[in-house]
């Protein structure tokens, strides 16, 4: 199977299946047991680690940290009972629109 963005959807299914599981049974279940704030904090930590790897020119590190970042983003989505497809739809809605126009529209709201 070729690696592509569909991996995120498959990973999200596995992550979502861990909700309510015994915290001792998996790292994901342990994250869920700590609550949304802890999941958000972990995402933030991974974002910082990704930035550090990128800023230092560490390509392998940036790849590894980006994978961690995406995993923890999916954990946060599941902890909030959000579907990543809703984020994908928002990205699609913005497609073809200037980033400057998008920011201006959000500022007006």
Protein backbone atom coordinates (compact mmCIF):
# COMPACT_ATOMS: atom_id res chain seq x y z
CA UNK A 1 0.00 0.00 0.00
CA UNK A 2 1.42 3.39 -0.98
CA UNK A 3 1.85 5.99 1.71
CA UNK A 4 -0.51 8.94 1.26
CA UNK A 5 -2.90 11.16 3.19
CA UNK A 6 -5.41 8.30 3.54
CA UNK A 7 -3.12 7.05 6.29
CA UNK A 8 -4.49 9.86 8.46
CA UNK A 9 -8.03 8.53 8.11
CA UNK A 10 -6.91 5.00 8.95
CA UNK A 11 -4.95 6.27 11.94
CA UNK A 12 -7.92 8.33 13.12
CA UNK A 13 -10.11 5.20 13.11
CA UNK A 14 -7.60 3.41 15.33
CA UNK A 15 -7.27 6.42 17.63
CA UNK A 16 -11.05 6.86 17.95
CA UNK A 17 -11.40 3.16 18.79
CA UNK A 18 -9.21 3.73 21.86
CA UNK A 19 -11.66 6.19 23.46
CA UNK A 20 -12.95 4.73 26.69
CA UNK A 21 -10.35 1.95 26.71
CA UNK A 22 -8.33 1.15 29.80
CA UNK A 23 -5.54 3.73 30.13
CA UNK A 24 -3.12 0.90 30.84
CA UNK A 25 -3.96 -0.72 27.51
CA UNK A 26 -2.49 1.89 25.16
CA UNK A 27 -0.72 5.23 25.01
CA UNK A 28 -3.70 6.70 23.14
CA UNK A 29 -6.15 5.55 25.80
CA UNK A 30 -3.85 7.06 28.43
CA UNK A 31 -3.94 10.42 26.61
CA UNK A 32 -7.74 10.31 26.44
CA UNK A 33 -7.94 9.54 30.15
CA UNK A 34 -6.10 12.79 30.90
CA UNK A 35 -8.74 14.92 29.15
CA UNK A 36 -8.91 17.45 26.35
CA UNK A 37 -6.56 19.97 27.97
CA UNK A 38 -3.77 17.39 28.29
CA UNK A 39 -4.31 16.27 24.69
CA UNK A 40 -4.10 19.91 23.56
CA UNK A 41 -0.95 20.48 25.61
CA UNK A 42 0.69 17.42 24.07
CA UNK A 43 -0.18 18.70 20.59
CA UNK A 44 1.48 21.99 21.48
CA UNK A 45 4.61 20.23 22.69
CA UNK A 46 4.82 18.29 19.43
CA UNK A 47 4.32 21.49 17.43
CA UNK A 48 7.26 23.09 19.23
CA UNK A 49 9.43 20.02 18.63
CA UNK A 50 8.51 20.13 14.92
CA UNK A 51 9.44 23.82 14.72
CA UNK A 52 12.77 23.20 16.47
CA UNK A 53 13.66 20.38 14.09
CA UNK A 54 12.70 22.45 11.05
CA UNK A 55 14.50 25.57 12.23
CA UNK A 56 17.67 23.59 12.87
CA UNK A 57 17.56 22.06 9.40
CA UNK A 58 17.03 18.54 10.76
CA UNK A 59 15.04 16.99 7.88
CA UNK A 60 14.73 13.52 9.46
CA UNK A 61 13.72 15.09 12.76
CA UNK A 62 11.17 17.31 11.02
CA UNK A 63 9.61 14.24 9.42
CA UNK A 64 9.50 12.30 12.69
CA UNK A 65 8.18 15.25 14.68
CA UNK A 66 5.60 16.02 11.98
CA UNK A 67 4.32 12.45 12.28
CA UNK A 68 4.06 12.92 16.06
CA UNK A 69 2.30 16.25 15.49
CA UNK A 70 -0.29 14.73 13.15
CA UNK A 71 -0.89 11.81 15.52
CA UNK A 72 -1.48 14.14 18.47
CA UNK A 73 -3.69 16.40 16.31
CA UNK A 74 -5.86 13.38 15.55
CA UNK A 75 -5.97 12.49 19.26
CA UNK A 76 -7.15 16.01 20.02
CA UNK A 77 -9.80 15.83 17.29
CA UNK A 78 -11.10 12.56 18.74
CA UNK A 79 -11.00 13.91 22.29
CA UNK A 80 -13.21 16.80 21.14
CA UNK A 81 -15.51 14.43 19.22
CA UNK A 82 -14.56 16.21 16.01
CA UNK A 83 -14.12 14.48 12.68
CA UNK A 84 -11.00 15.38 10.71
CA UNK A 85 -13.26 15.37 7.64
CA UNK A 86 -14.75 18.62 8.97
CA UNK A 87 -11.27 20.17 8.90
CA UNK A 88 -10.71 18.81 5.40
CA UNK A 89 -14.03 20.38 4.35
CA UNK A 90 -12.93 23.72 5.79
CA UNK A 91 -9.69 23.50 3.83
CA UNK A 92 -11.66 22.69 0.70
CA UNK A 93 -13.92 25.68 1.34
CA UNK A 94 -10.85 27.89 1.47
CA UNK A 95 -9.25 26.38 -1.63
CA UNK A 96 -8.59 28.89 -4.36
CA UNK A 97 -9.06 31.80 -2.01
CA UNK A 98 -6.20 34.11 -1.17
CA UNK A 99 -4.87 33.65 2.35
CA UNK A 100 -5.00 37.41 2.79
CA UNK A 101 -8.68 37.45 1.76
CA UNK A 102 -9.43 34.56 4.11
CA UNK A 103 -7.81 36.33 7.08
CA UNK A 104 -9.64 39.56 6.27
CA UNK A 105 -12.97 37.72 6.13
CA UNK A 106 -12.34 36.13 9.54
CA UNK A 107 -11.42 39.52 11.02
CA UNK A 108 -14.75 40.95 9.82
CA UNK A 109 -16.74 38.20 11.54
